[in-house]
Amino acid sequence: MALILNIETATTVCSVCLAKDGIPIAFKEQNGAYSHAENLTLFIQDVFLQSNINLKDIDAIAVSMGPGSYTGLRIGVSVAKGLCYSLDKPLIAVNTLQHLALSVSSKKDFSLKSSKQLFCPMIDARRMEVYCAIYNSFNEEVLPVTAEIIDKNAFADLLVDNEIYFFGNGAEKCKYLFSGNKNAKFIDGIELSTNNMVNLSNKAFESNQFENVSAFEPFYLKDFLIKKSKL
Protein backbone atom coordinates (compact mmCIF):
# COMPACT_ATOMS: atom_id res chain seq x y z
CA MET A 1 0.00 0.00 0.00
CA ALA A 2 1.88 3.08 -1.25
CA LEU A 3 0.78 6.69 -0.86
CA ILE A 4 2.94 8.77 -3.22
CA LEU A 5 3.09 12.49 -3.93
CA ASN A 6 3.85 13.02 -7.65
CA ILE A 7 5.34 16.27 -9.01
CA GLU A 8 5.68 17.37 -12.66
CA THR A 9 7.38 20.64 -13.70
CA ALA A 10 9.45 19.72 -16.79
CA THR A 11 7.47 21.99 -19.17
CA THR A 12 4.91 24.78 -18.82
CA VAL A 13 2.64 22.30 -17.02
CA CYS A 14 2.72 22.49 -13.23
CA SER A 15 1.07 19.31 -11.99
CA VAL A 16 0.71 17.60 -8.62
CA CYS A 17 -1.06 14.33 -7.86
CA LEU A 18 -1.47 12.33 -4.70
CA ALA A 19 -1.92 8.66 -5.56
CA LYS A 20 -2.59 5.50 -3.58
CA ASP A 21 -1.33 2.25 -5.11
CA GLY A 22 -1.03 3.94 -8.51
CA ILE A 23 -4.55 5.43 -8.46
CA PRO A 24 -4.96 9.25 -8.24
CA ILE A 25 -6.94 10.43 -5.24
CA ALA A 26 -6.25 14.19 -5.43
CA PHE A 27 -5.00 16.30 -8.32
CA LYS A 28 -4.09 19.91 -9.15
CA GLU A 29 -2.70 21.13 -12.47
CA GLN A 30 -2.19 24.25 -14.54
CA ASN A 31 -0.69 24.78 -17.99
CA GLY A 32 0.47 28.16 -19.17
CA ALA A 33 3.42 30.43 -18.51
CA TYR A 34 6.20 29.12 -16.30
CA SER A 35 4.82 29.89 -12.83
CA HIS A 36 6.06 26.81 -10.99
CA ALA A 37 7.92 28.79 -8.34
CA GLU A 38 4.67 30.53 -7.36
CA ASN A 39 2.29 27.58 -7.74
CA LEU A 40 4.00 24.31 -6.89
CA THR A 41 3.89 24.44 -3.10
CA LEU A 42 0.33 25.83 -3.23
CA PHE A 43 -0.74 22.93 -5.45
CA ILE A 44 0.85 20.46 -3.05
CA GLN A 45 -1.02 22.03 -0.16
CA ASP A 46 -4.25 21.87 -2.14
CA VAL A 47 -4.05 18.13 -2.94
CA PHE A 48 -3.64 17.34 0.74
CA LEU A 49 -6.63 19.53 1.59
CA GLN A 50 -8.64 17.75 -1.13
CA SER A 51 -7.75 14.31 0.19
CA ASN A 52 -7.87 15.16 3.89
CA ILE A 53 -4.54 13.36 4.29
CA ASN A 54 -1.59 14.62 6.30
CA LEU A 55 1.64 15.26 4.45
CA LYS A 56 3.64 13.20 6.96
CA ASP A 57 1.56 10.11 6.11
CA ILE A 58 2.88 9.73 2.56
CA ASP A 59 5.32 6.93 1.75
CA ALA A 60 7.41 8.64 -0.95
CA ILE A 61 7.78 11.65 -3.23
CA ALA A 62 8.08 11.14 -7.00
CA VAL A 63 9.34 13.81 -9.36
CA SER A 64 9.59 14.05 -13.14
CA MET A 65 13.35 13.93 -13.68
CA GLY A 66 13.66 15.34 -17.21
CA PRO A 67 14.58 16.12 -19.84
CA GLY A 68 12.80 19.45 -20.09
CA SER A 69 13.02 23.05 -18.98
CA TYR A 70 16.14 23.72 -16.91
CA THR A 71 14.33 26.08 -14.54
CA GLY A 72 11.20 23.96 -14.33
CA LEU A 73 13.17 20.84 -13.47
CA ARG A 74 15.24 22.69 -10.86
CA ILE A 75 12.10 23.88 -9.10
CA GLY A 76 10.37 20.49 -9.10
CA VAL A 77 13.42 18.55 -7.94
CA SER A 78 14.33 21.13 -5.29
CA VAL A 79 10.85 20.98 -3.77
CA ALA A 80 10.79 17.17 -3.93
CA LYS A 81 14.21 16.87 -2.26
CA GLY A 82 13.24 19.39 0.40
CA LEU A 83 10.17 17.34 1.28
CA CYS A 84 12.19 14.13 1.34
CA TYR A 85 14.68 15.67 3.77
CA SER A 86 12.08 17.22 6.06
CA LEU A 87 9.80 14.17 6.13
CA ASP A 88 12.52 11.50 5.90
CA LYS A 89 10.83 9.92 2.88
CA PRO A 90 12.38 8.23 -0.19
CA LEU A 91 12.71 9.99 -3.53
CA ILE A 92 11.52 8.42 -6.81
CA ALA A 93 12.63 9.80 -10.19
CA VAL A 94 10.35 9.20 -13.18
CA ASN A 95 11.62 9.61 -16.74
CA THR A 96 9.67 12.53 -18.21
CA LEU A 97 9.47 11.17 -21.75
CA GLN A 98 8.55 7.67 -20.59
CA HIS A 99 5.51 8.83 -18.67
CA LEU A 100 4.52 11.11 -21.56
CA ALA A 101 4.69 8.05 -23.85
CA LEU A 102 2.61 6.02 -21.42
CA SER A 103 -0.10 8.67 -21.48
CA VAL A 104 -0.72 7.73 -25.12
CA SER A 105 0.20 4.02 -25.35
CA SER A 106 -2.09 3.20 -22.41
CA LYS A 107 -5.14 4.75 -24.06
CA LYS A 108 -8.02 2.54 -25.13
CA ASP A 109 -7.23 3.16 -28.81
CA PHE A 110 -4.00 1.23 -28.33
CA SER A 111 -5.33 -1.57 -26.12
CA LEU A 112 -4.38 -4.15 -28.77
CA LYS A 113 -0.60 -4.12 -28.47
CA SER A 114 1.28 -4.24 -31.75
CA SER A 115 4.98 -4.67 -32.45
CA LYS A 116 4.50 -2.29 -35.40
CA GLN A 117 3.27 0.61 -33.26
CA LEU A 118 5.89 2.91 -31.78
CA PHE A 119 5.49 6.06 -29.68
CA CYS A 120 7.68 9.15 -29.86
CA PRO A 121 7.08 11.75 -27.13
CA MET A 122 8.66 15.11 -27.98
CA ILE A 123 9.46 18.04 -25.71
CA ASP A 124 10.32 21.35 -27.38
CA ALA A 125 14.00 22.27 -27.10
CA ARG A 126 13.76 25.39 -29.33
CA ARG A 127 14.23 25.83 -33.09
CA MET A 128 14.01 22.41 -34.76
CA GLU A 129 15.45 20.54 -31.80
CA VAL A 130 13.40 18.33 -29.50
CA TYR A 131 14.01 16.04 -26.58
CA CYS A 132 12.64 12.70 -27.65
CA ALA A 133 12.79 8.91 -27.35
CA ILE A 134 11.02 5.96 -28.94
CA TYR A 135 8.95 3.46 -26.93
CA ASN A 136 7.03 0.38 -27.96
CA SER A 137 3.43 -0.36 -27.01
CA PHE A 138 4.61 -1.90 -23.72
CA ASN A 139 6.33 1.38 -22.75
CA GLU A 140 9.74 -0.21 -23.27
CA GLU A 141 12.54 1.94 -24.67
CA VAL A 142 13.39 1.30 -28.34
CA LEU A 143 15.59 4.36 -28.88
CA PRO A 144 17.10 6.20 -25.89
CA VAL A 145 16.40 9.76 -24.82
CA THR A 146 18.22 12.24 -27.02
CA ALA A 147 18.29 15.88 -28.06
CA GLU A 148 17.41 15.51 -31.74
CA ILE A 149 17.51 18.11 -34.51
CA ILE A 150 14.55 17.04 -36.62
CA ASP A 151 14.76 16.95 -40.41
CA LYS A 152 12.87 15.00 -43.08
CA ASN A 153 15.20 12.00 -42.64
CA ALA A 154 14.68 11.66 -38.87
CA PHE A 155 13.53 8.16 -37.85
CA ALA A 156 13.56 7.14 -41.54
CA ASP A 157 14.64 3.55 -40.88
CA LEU A 158 11.95 2.96 -38.26
CA LEU A 159 9.23 4.59 -40.35
CA VAL A 160 9.71 2.06 -43.16
CA ASP A 161 8.09 -0.80 -41.23
CA ASN A 162 6.44 0.88 -38.24
CA GLU A 163 3.72 3.37 -37.46
CA ILE A 164 5.21 6.02 -35.21
CA TYR A 165 2.93 8.25 -33.17
CA PHE A 166 4.43 11.68 -32.45
CA PHE A 167 3.06 13.88 -29.68
CA GLY A 168 4.00 16.35 -26.98
CA ASN A 169 4.72 20.08 -27.16
CA GLY A 170 7.64 19.54 -29.55
CA ALA A 171 5.74 17.51 -32.14
CA GLU A 172 3.74 20.28 -33.81
CA LYS A 173 6.76 21.87 -35.47
CA CYS A 174 7.75 18.51 -37.00
CA LYS A 175 4.45 17.79 -38.76
CA TYR A 176 5.28 19.29 -42.14
CA LEU A 177 8.55 17.34 -42.38
CA PHE A 178 6.73 14.00 -42.25
CA SER A 179 3.60 15.06 -44.14
CA GLY A 180 4.26 12.64 -46.99
CA ASN A 181 4.89 9.59 -44.83
CA LYS A 182 1.78 7.52 -44.13
CA ASN A 183 3.48 5.82 -41.18
CA ALA A 184 4.03 9.10 -39.33
CA LYS A 185 1.02 9.84 -37.13
CA PHE A 186 0.55 12.95 -35.01
CA ILE A 187 -1.64 13.22 -31.93
CA ASP A 188 -2.51 16.74 -30.80
CA GLY A 189 -3.18 18.02 -27.30
CA ILE A 190 -0.96 15.60 -25.35
CA GLU A 191 0.67 17.28 -22.36
CA LEU A 192 2.61 16.07 -19.37
CA SER A 193 0.54 15.32 -16.28
CA THR A 194 1.14 13.64 -12.95
CA ASN A 195 -2.00 11.59 -13.61
CA ASN A 196 0.20 9.65 -16.04
CA MET A 197 3.17 9.41 -13.65
CA VAL A 198 1.41 7.45 -10.96
CA ASN A 199 1.72 4.01 -12.50
CA LEU A 200 5.47 4.35 -13.04
CA SER A 201 6.12 5.87 -9.62
CA ASN A 202 4.13 3.11 -7.92
CA LYS A 203 6.11 0.42 -9.78
CA ALA A 204 9.35 2.09 -8.75
CA PHE A 205 8.20 2.14 -5.12
CA GLU A 206 7.31 -1.56 -5.21
CA SER A 207 10.75 -2.31 -6.67
CA ASN A 208 12.56 -0.09 -4.13
CA GLN A 209 13.95 2.06 -6.94
CA PHE A 210 14.86 5.09 -4.87
CA GLU A 211 17.33 7.89 -5.51
CA ASN A 212 20.11 9.19 -3.30
CA VAL A 213 18.39 12.38 -2.15
CA SER A 214 21.57 14.37 -1.55
CA ALA A 215 23.22 13.41 -4.85
CA PHE A 216 20.24 13.40 -7.21
CA GLU A 217 20.12 15.99 -10.00
CA PRO A 218 17.60 16.44 -12.83
CA PHE A 219 18.36 14.92 -16.22
CA TYR A 220 18.98 18.10 -18.21
CA LEU A 221 20.36 16.30 -21.30
CA LYS A 222 21.95 19.55 -22.52
CA ASP A 223 24.21 21.98 -20.68
CA PHE A 224 22.49 25.15 -19.50
CA LEU A 225 24.11 28.10 -21.27
CA ILE A 226 24.00 31.64 -19.87
CA LYS A 227 24.27 34.22 -22.64
CA LYS A 228 26.38 37.30 -22.04
CA SER A 229 24.65 40.63 -22.30
CA LYS A 230 25.42 42.66 -25.40
CA LEU A 231 25.49 45.85 -23.32
C-alpha atoms as a PDB file:
ATOM      1  CA  MET A   1       0.000   0.000   0.000  1.00  0.00           C
ATOM      2  CA  ALA A   2       1.882   3.078  -1.248  1.00  0.00           C
ATOM      3  CA  LEU A   3       0.783   6.691  -0.858  1.00  0.00           C
ATOM      4  CA  ILE A   4       2.935   8.769  -3.215  1.00  0.00           C
ATOM      5  CA  LEU A   5       3.085  12.493  -3.932  1.00  0.00           C
ATOM      6  CA  ASN A   6       3.853  13.023  -7.646  1.00  0.00           C
ATOM      7  CA  ILE A   7       5.342  16.268  -9.008  1.00  0.00           C
ATOM      8  CA  GLU A   8       5.678  17.365 -12.662  1.00  0.00           C
ATOM      9  CA  THR A   9       7.382  20.637 -13.704  1.00  0.00           C
ATOM     10  CA  ALA A  10       9.449  19.722 -16.790  1.00  0.00           C
ATOM     11  CA  THR A  11       7.471  21.988 -19.170  1.00  0.00           C
ATOM     12  CA  THR A  12       4.914  24.775 -18.816  1.00  0.00           C
ATOM     13  CA  VAL A  13       2.639  22.300 -17.019  1.00  0.00           C
ATOM     14  CA  CYS A  14       2.720  22.494 -13.231  1.00  0.00           C
ATOM     15  CA  SER A  15       1.074  19.310 -11.987  1.00  0.00           C
ATOM     16  CA  VAL A  16       0.706  17.597  -8.617  1.00  0.00           C
ATOM     17  CA  CYS A  17      -1.057  14.328  -7.860  1.00  0.00           C
ATOM     18  CA  LEU A  18      -1.474  12.327  -4.699  1.00  0.00           C
ATOM     19  CA  ALA A  19      -1.919   8.658  -5.558  1.00  0.00           C
ATOM     20  CA  LYS A  20      -2.593   5.505  -3.583  1.00  0.00           C
ATOM     21  CA  ASP A  21      -1.327   2.251  -5.108  1.00  0.00           C
ATOM     22  CA  GLY A  22      -1.034   3.944  -8.509  1.00  0.00           C
ATOM     23  CA  ILE A  23      -4.552   5.432  -8.458  1.00  0.00           C
ATOM     24  CA  PRO A  24      -4.959   9.246  -8.244  1.00  0.00           C
ATOM     25  CA  ILE A  25      -6.943  10.432  -5.243  1.00  0.00           C
ATOM     26  CA  ALA A  26      -6.247  14.193  -5.433  1.00  0.00           C
ATOM     27  CA  PHE A  27      -4.996  16.304  -8.316  1.00  0.00           C
ATOM     28  CA  LYS A  28      -4.093  19.906  -9.153  1.00  0.00           C
ATOM     29  CA  GLU A  29      -2.700  21.131 -12.466  1.00  0.00           C
ATOM     30  CA  GLN A  30      -2.190  24.249 -14.540  1.00  0.00           C
ATOM     31  CA  ASN A  31      -0.691  24.780 -17.987  1.00  0.00           C
ATOM     32  CA  GLY A  32       0.473  28.162 -19.170  1.00  0.00           C
ATOM     33  CA  ALA A  33       3.415  30.430 -18.506  1.00  0.00           C
ATOM     34  CA  TYR A  34       6.197  29.124 -16.305  1.00  0.00           C
ATOM     35  CA  SER A  35       4.822  29.885 -12.834  1.00  0.00           C
ATOM     36  CA  HIS A  36       6.063  26.810 -10.989  1.00  0.00           C
ATOM     37  CA  ALA A  37       7.915  28.788  -8.341  1.00  0.00           C
ATOM     38  CA  GLU A  38       4.672  30.529  -7.363  1.00  0.00           C
ATOM     39  CA  ASN A  39       2.290  27.578  -7.742  1.00  0.00           C
ATOM     40  CA  LEU A  40       3.999  24.308  -6.893  1.00  0.00           C
ATOM     41  CA  THR A  41       3.888  24.442  -3.102  1.00  0.00           C
ATOM     42  CA  LEU A  42       0.334  25.832  -3.225  1.00  0.00           C
ATOM     43  CA  PHE A  43      -0.739  22.934  -5.446  1.00  0.00           C
ATOM     44  CA  ILE A  44       0.852  20.458  -3.046  1.00  0.00           C
ATOM     45  CA  GLN A  45      -1.018  22.033  -0.156  1.00  0.00           C
ATOM     46  CA  ASP A  46      -4.245  21.871  -2.143  1.00  0.00           C
ATOM     47  CA  VAL A  47      -4.053  18.134  -2.944  1.00  0.00           C
ATOM     48  CA  PHE A  48      -3.644  17.336   0.737  1.00  0.00           C
ATOM     49  CA  LEU A  49      -6.626  19.532   1.586  1.00  0.00           C
ATOM     50  CA  GLN A  50      -8.643  17.746  -1.135  1.00  0.00           C
ATOM     51  CA  SER A  51      -7.748  14.306   0.189  1.00  0.00           C
ATOM     52  CA  ASN A  52      -7.875  15.159   3.891  1.00  0.00           C
ATOM     53  CA  ILE A  53      -4.536  13.361   4.286  1.00  0.00           C
ATOM     54  CA  ASN A  54      -1.591  14.623   6.297  1.00  0.00           C
ATOM     55  CA  LEU A  55       1.645  15.256   4.453  1.00  0.00           C
ATOM     56  CA  LYS A  56       3.635  13.200   6.965  1.00  0.00           C
ATOM     57  CA  ASP A  57       1.562  10.112   6.111  1.00  0.00           C
ATOM     58  CA  ILE A  58       2.876   9.733   2.562  1.00  0.00           C
ATOM     59  CA  ASP A  59       5.316   6.934   1.747  1.00  0.00           C
ATOM     60  CA  ALA A  60       7.414   8.636  -0.954  1.00  0.00           C
ATOM     61  CA  ILE A  61       7.779  11.655  -3.232  1.00  0.00           C
ATOM     62  CA  ALA A  62       8.083  11.139  -7.001  1.00  0.00           C
ATOM     63  CA  VAL A  63       9.340  13.812  -9.363  1.00  0.00           C
ATOM     64  CA  SER A  64       9.589  14.050 -13.141  1.00  0.00           C
ATOM     65  CA  MET A  65      13.355  13.934 -13.680  1.00  0.00           C
ATOM     66  CA  GLY A  66      13.664  15.340 -17.212  1.00  0.00           C
ATOM     67  CA  PRO A  67      14.580  16.122 -19.845  1.00  0.00           C
ATOM     68  CA  GLY A  68      12.799  19.445 -20.092  1.00  0.00           C
ATOM     69  CA  SER A  69      13.017  23.048 -18.979  1.00  0.00           C
ATOM     70  CA  TYR A  70      16.140  23.721 -16.912  1.00  0.00           C
ATOM     71  CA  THR A  71      14.332  26.080 -14.541  1.00  0.00           C
ATOM     72  CA  GLY A  72      11.197  23.962 -14.329  1.00  0.00           C
ATOM     73  CA  LEU A  73      13.170  20.838 -13.470  1.00  0.00           C
ATOM     74  CA  ARG A  74      15.242  22.692 -10.861  1.00  0.00           C
ATOM     75  CA  ILE A  75      12.099  23.882  -9.100  1.00  0.00           C
ATOM     76  CA  GLY A  76      10.369  20.485  -9.099  1.00  0.00           C
ATOM     77  CA  VAL A  77      13.424  18.552  -7.945  1.00  0.00           C
ATOM     78  CA  SER A  78      14.328  21.127  -5.293  1.00  0.00           C
ATOM     79  CA  VAL A  79      10.847  20.979  -3.769  1.00  0.00           C
ATOM     80  CA  ALA A  80      10.788  17.166  -3.931  1.00  0.00           C
ATOM     81  CA  LYS A  81      14.208  16.872  -2.265  1.00  0.00           C
ATOM     82  CA  GLY A  82      13.244  19.392   0.404  1.00  0.00           C
ATOM     83  CA  LEU A  83      10.165  17.344   1.282  1.00  0.00           C
ATOM     84  CA  CYS A  84      12.194  14.127   1.344  1.00  0.00           C
ATOM     85  CA  TYR A  85      14.676  15.670   3.770  1.00  0.00           C
ATOM     86  CA  SER A  86      12.082  17.219   6.064  1.00  0.00           C
ATOM     87  CA  LEU A  87       9.796  14.167   6.130  1.00  0.00           C
ATOM     88  CA  ASP A  88      12.518  11.497   5.905  1.00  0.00           C
ATOM     89  CA  LYS A  89      10.830   9.923   2.883  1.00  0.00           C
ATOM     90  CA  PRO A  90      12.377   8.230  -0.186  1.00  0.00           C
ATOM     91  CA  LEU A  91      12.712   9.987  -3.535  1.00  0.00           C
ATOM     92  CA  ILE A  92      11.518   8.423  -6.807  1.00  0.00           C
ATOM     93  CA  ALA A  93      12.629   9.798 -10.194  1.00  0.00           C
ATOM     94  CA  VAL A  94      10.350   9.204 -13.181  1.00  0.00           C
ATOM     95  CA  ASN A  95      11.623   9.612 -16.742  1.00  0.00           C
ATOM     96  CA  THR A  96       9.668  12.526 -18.210  1.00  0.00           C
ATOM     97  CA  LEU A  97       9.470  11.170 -21.755  1.00  0.00           C
ATOM     98  CA  GLN A  98       8.552   7.672 -20.588  1.00  0.00           C
ATOM     99  CA  HIS A  99       5.506   8.828 -18.674  1.00  0.00           C
ATOM    100  CA  LEU A 100       4.525  11.108 -21.559  1.00  0.00           C
ATOM    101  CA  ALA A 101       4.691   8.054 -23.848  1.00  0.00           C
ATOM    102  CA  LEU A 102       2.613   6.019 -21.418  1.00  0.00           C
ATOM    103  CA  SER A 103      -0.100   8.671 -21.478  1.00  0.00           C
ATOM    104  CA  VAL A 104      -0.715   7.725 -25.117  1.00  0.00           C
ATOM    105  CA  SER A 105       0.198   4.023 -25.348  1.00  0.00           C
ATOM    106  CA  SER A 106      -2.086   3.197 -22.406  1.00  0.00           C
ATOM    107  CA  LYS A 107      -5.143   4.746 -24.063  1.00  0.00           C
ATOM    108  CA  LYS A 108      -8.023   2.542 -25.126  1.00  0.00           C
ATOM    109  CA  ASP A 109      -7.232   3.160 -28.810  1.00  0.00           C
ATOM    110  CA  PHE A 110      -3.997   1.230 -28.325  1.00  0.00           C
ATOM    111  CA  SER A 111      -5.333  -1.572 -26.119  1.00  0.00           C
ATOM    112  CA  LEU A 112      -4.376  -4.151 -28.767  1.00  0.00           C
ATOM    113  CA  LYS A 113      -0.596  -4.123 -28.473  1.00  0.00           C
ATOM    114  CA  SER A 114       1.278  -4.237 -31.751  1.00  0.00           C
ATOM    115  CA  SER A 115       4.975  -4.674 -32.453  1.00  0.00           C
ATOM    116  CA  LYS A 116       4.503  -2.294 -35.400  1.00  0.00           C
ATOM    117  CA  GLN A 117       3.271   0.607 -33.259  1.00  0.00           C
ATOM    118  CA  LEU A 118       5.893   2.912 -31.780  1.00  0.00           C
ATOM    119  CA  PHE A 119       5.492   6.058 -29.680  1.00  0.00           C
ATOM    120  CA  CYS A 120       7.678   9.145 -29.856  1.00  0.00           C
ATOM    121  CA  PRO A 121       7.075  11.750 -27.133  1.00  0.00           C
ATOM    122  CA  MET A 122       8.662  15.106 -27.977  1.00  0.00           C
ATOM    123  CA  ILE A 123       9.465  18.042 -25.714  1.00  0.00           C
ATOM    124  CA  ASP A 124      10.322  21.347 -27.378  1.00  0.00           C
ATOM    125  CA  ALA A 125      14.003  22.272 -27.100  1.00  0.00           C
ATOM    126  CA  ARG A 126      13.755  25.387 -29.333  1.00  0.00           C
ATOM    127  CA  ARG A 127      14.229  25.832 -33.087  1.00  0.00           C
ATOM    128  CA  MET A 128      14.008  22.411 -34.756  1.00  0.00           C
ATOM    129  CA  GLU A 129      15.452  20.539 -31.800  1.00  0.00           C
ATOM    130  CA  VAL A 130      13.398  18.326 -29.499  1.00  0.00           C
ATOM    131  CA  TYR A 131      14.014  16.035 -26.578  1.00  0.00           C
ATOM    132  CA  CYS A 132      12.638  12.696 -27.650  1.00  0.00           C
ATOM    133  CA  ALA A 133      12.792   8.913 -27.354  1.00  0.00           C
ATOM    134  CA  ILE A 134      11.021   5.959 -28.935  1.00  0.00           C
ATOM    135  CA  TYR A 135       8.953   3.463 -26.926  1.00  0.00           C
ATOM    136  CA  ASN A 136       7.034   0.380 -27.964  1.00  0.00           C
ATOM    137  CA  SER A 137       3.435  -0.358 -27.011  1.00  0.00           C
ATOM    138  CA  PHE A 138       4.611  -1.901 -23.722  1.00  0.00           C
ATOM    139  CA  ASN A 139       6.330   1.376 -22.746  1.00  0.00           C
ATOM    140  CA  GLU A 140       9.741  -0.211 -23.274  1.00  0.00           C
ATOM    141  CA  GLU A 141      12.538   1.936 -24.671  1.00  0.00           C
ATOM    142  CA  VAL A 142      13.387   1.299 -28.340  1.00  0.00           C
ATOM    143  CA  LEU A 143      15.594   4.357 -28.875  1.00  0.00           C
ATOM    144  CA  PRO A 144      17.098   6.197 -25.887  1.00  0.00           C
ATOM    145  CA  VAL A 145      16.395   9.758 -24.823  1.00  0.00           C
ATOM    146  CA  THR A 146      18.223  12.241 -27.021  1.00  0.00           C
ATOM    147  CA  ALA A 147      18.286  15.884 -28.063  1.00  0.00           C
ATOM    148  CA  GLU A 148      17.406  15.507 -31.743  1.00  0.00           C
ATOM    149  CA  ILE A 149      17.514  18.108 -34.513  1.00  0.00           C
ATOM    150  CA  ILE A 150      14.551  17.038 -36.623  1.00  0.00           C
ATOM    151  CA  ASP A 151      14.759  16.949 -40.411  1.00  0.00           C
ATOM    152  CA  LYS A 152      12.872  14.995 -43.078  1.00  0.00           C
ATOM    153  CA  ASN A 153      15.204  12.004 -42.639  1.00  0.00           C
ATOM    154  CA  ALA A 154      14.683  11.656 -38.872  1.00  0.00           C
ATOM    155  CA  PHE A 155      13.528   8.165 -37.850  1.00  0.00           C
ATOM    156  CA  ALA A 156      13.558   7.145 -41.542  1.00  0.00           C
ATOM    157  CA  ASP A 157      14.636   3.553 -40.882  1.00  0.00           C
ATOM    158  CA  LEU A 158      11.949   2.956 -38.263  1.00  0.00           C
ATOM    159  CA  LEU A 159       9.229   4.585 -40.348  1.00  0.00           C
ATOM    160  CA  VAL A 160       9.711   2.063 -43.158  1.00  0.00           C
ATOM    161  CA  ASP A 161       8.095  -0.800 -41.227  1.00  0.00           C
ATOM    162  CA  ASN A 162       6.436   0.883 -38.239  1.00  0.00           C
ATOM    163  CA  GLU A 163       3.716   3.369 -37.464  1.00  0.00           C
ATOM    164  CA  ILE A 164       5.213   6.021 -35.210  1.00  0.00           C
ATOM    165  CA  TYR A 165       2.925   8.248 -33.171  1.00  0.00           C
ATOM    166  CA  PHE A 166       4.430  11.678 -32.454  1.00  0.00           C
ATOM    167  CA  PHE A 167       3.060  13.885 -29.685  1.00  0.00           C
ATOM    168  CA  GLY A 168       4.001  16.351 -26.979  1.00  0.00           C
ATOM    169  CA  ASN A 169       4.719  20.081 -27.156  1.00  0.00           C
ATOM    170  CA  GLY A 170       7.637  19.544 -29.552  1.00  0.00           C
ATOM    171  CA  ALA A 171       5.739  17.507 -32.143  1.00  0.00           C
ATOM    172  CA  GLU A 172       3.736  20.281 -33.806  1.00  0.00           C
ATOM    173  CA  LYS A 173       6.760  21.873 -35.474  1.00  0.00           C
ATOM    174  CA  CYS A 174       7.746  18.515 -36.996  1.00  0.00           C
ATOM    175  CA  LYS A 175       4.451  17.791 -38.759  1.00  0.00           C
ATOM    176  CA  TYR A 176       5.282  19.292 -42.145  1.00  0.00           C
ATOM    177  CA  LEU A 177       8.553  17.339 -42.377  1.00  0.00           C
ATOM    178  CA  PHE A 178       6.732  13.996 -42.253  1.00  0.00           C
ATOM    179  CA  SER A 179       3.603  15.056 -44.136  1.00  0.00           C
ATOM    180  CA  GLY A 180       4.259  12.641 -46.992  1.00  0.00           C
ATOM    181  CA  ASN A 181       4.893   9.586 -44.828  1.00  0.00           C
ATOM    182  CA  LYS A 182       1.782   7.519 -44.132  1.00  0.00           C
ATOM    183  CA  ASN A 183       3.482   5.821 -41.179  1.00  0.00           C
ATOM    184  CA  ALA A 184       4.035   9.100 -39.333  1.00  0.00           C
ATOM    185  CA  LYS A 185       1.018   9.838 -37.130  1.00  0.00           C
ATOM    186  CA  PHE A 186       0.550  12.947 -35.012  1.00  0.00           C
ATOM    187  CA  ILE A 187      -1.642  13.219 -31.927  1.00  0.00           C
ATOM    188  CA  ASP A 188      -2.513  16.738 -30.800  1.00  0.00           C
ATOM    189  CA  GLY A 189      -3.176  18.020 -27.303  1.00  0.00           C
ATOM    190  CA  ILE A 190      -0.960  15.598 -25.350  1.00  0.00           C
ATOM    191  CA  GLU A 191       0.670  17.284 -22.356  1.00  0.00           C
ATOM    192  CA  LEU A 192       2.613  16.074 -19.366  1.00  0.00           C
ATOM    193  CA  SER A 193       0.545  15.318 -16.280  1.00  0.00           C
ATOM    194  CA  THR A 194       1.138  13.637 -12.951  1.00  0.00           C
ATOM    195  CA  ASN A 195      -1.999  11.586 -13.611  1.00  0.00           C
ATOM    196  CA  ASN A 196       0.198   9.652 -16.036  1.00  0.00           C
ATOM    197  CA  MET A 197       3.173   9.405 -13.655  1.00  0.00           C
ATOM    198  CA  VAL A 198       1.411   7.455 -10.961  1.00  0.00           C
ATOM    199  CA  ASN A 199       1.717   4.010 -12.500  1.00  0.00           C
ATOM    200  CA  LEU A 200       5.474   4.346 -13.035  1.00  0.00           C
ATOM    201  CA  SER A 201       6.122   5.871  -9.617  1.00  0.00           C
ATOM    202  CA  ASN A 202       4.129   3.110  -7.921  1.00  0.00           C
ATOM    203  CA  LYS A 203       6.107   0.419  -9.779  1.00  0.00           C
ATOM    204  CA  ALA A 204       9.350   2.092  -8.750  1.00  0.00           C
ATOM    205  CA  PHE A 205       8.199   2.138  -5.124  1.00  0.00           C
ATOM    206  CA  GLU A 206       7.307  -1.557  -5.213  1.00  0.00           C
ATOM    207  CA  SER A 207      10.751  -2.313  -6.667  1.00  0.00           C
ATOM    208  CA  ASN A 208      12.557  -0.085  -4.133  1.00  0.00           C
ATOM    209  CA  GLN A 209      13.954   2.056  -6.943  1.00  0.00           C
ATOM    210  CA  PHE A 210      14.861   5.088  -4.868  1.00  0.00           C
ATOM    211  CA  GLU A 211      17.333   7.895  -5.507  1.00  0.00           C
ATOM    212  CA  ASN A 212      20.113   9.194  -3.298  1.00  0.00           C
ATOM    213  CA  VAL A 213      18.395  12.377  -2.147  1.00  0.00           C
ATOM    214  CA  SER A 214      21.569  14.374  -1.549  1.00  0.00           C
ATOM    215  CA  ALA A 215      23.220  13.415  -4.850  1.00  0.00           C
ATOM    216  CA  PHE A 216      20.239  13.399  -7.206  1.00  0.00           C
ATOM    217  CA  GLU A 217      20.122  15.989  -9.997  1.00  0.00           C
ATOM    218  CA  PRO A 218      17.601  16.443 -12.828  1.00  0.00           C
ATOM    219  CA  PHE A 219      18.358  14.917 -16.222  1.00  0.00           C
ATOM    220  CA  TYR A 220      18.981  18.099 -18.209  1.00  0.00           C
ATOM    221  CA  LEU A 221      20.364  16.303 -21.296  1.00  0.00           C
ATOM    222  CA  LYS A 222      21.955  19.553 -22.518  1.00  0.00           C
ATOM    223  CA  ASP A 223      24.206  21.980 -20.680  1.00  0.00           C
ATOM    224  CA  PHE A 224      22.493  25.151 -19.498  1.00  0.00           C
ATOM    225  CA  LEU A 225      24.107  28.101 -21.266  1.00  0.00           C
ATOM    226  CA  ILE A 226      24.002  31.636 -19.868  1.00  0.00           C
ATOM    227  CA  LYS A 227      24.267  34.215 -22.643  1.00  0.00           C
ATOM    228  CA  LYS A 228      26.378  37.299 -22.036  1.00  0.00           C
ATOM    229  CA  SER A 229      24.645  40.626 -22.295  1.00  0.00           C
ATOM    230  CA  LYS A 230      25.420  42.661 -25.405  1.00  0.00           C
ATOM    231  CA  LEU A 231      25.488  45.847 -23.318  1.00  0.00           C
END
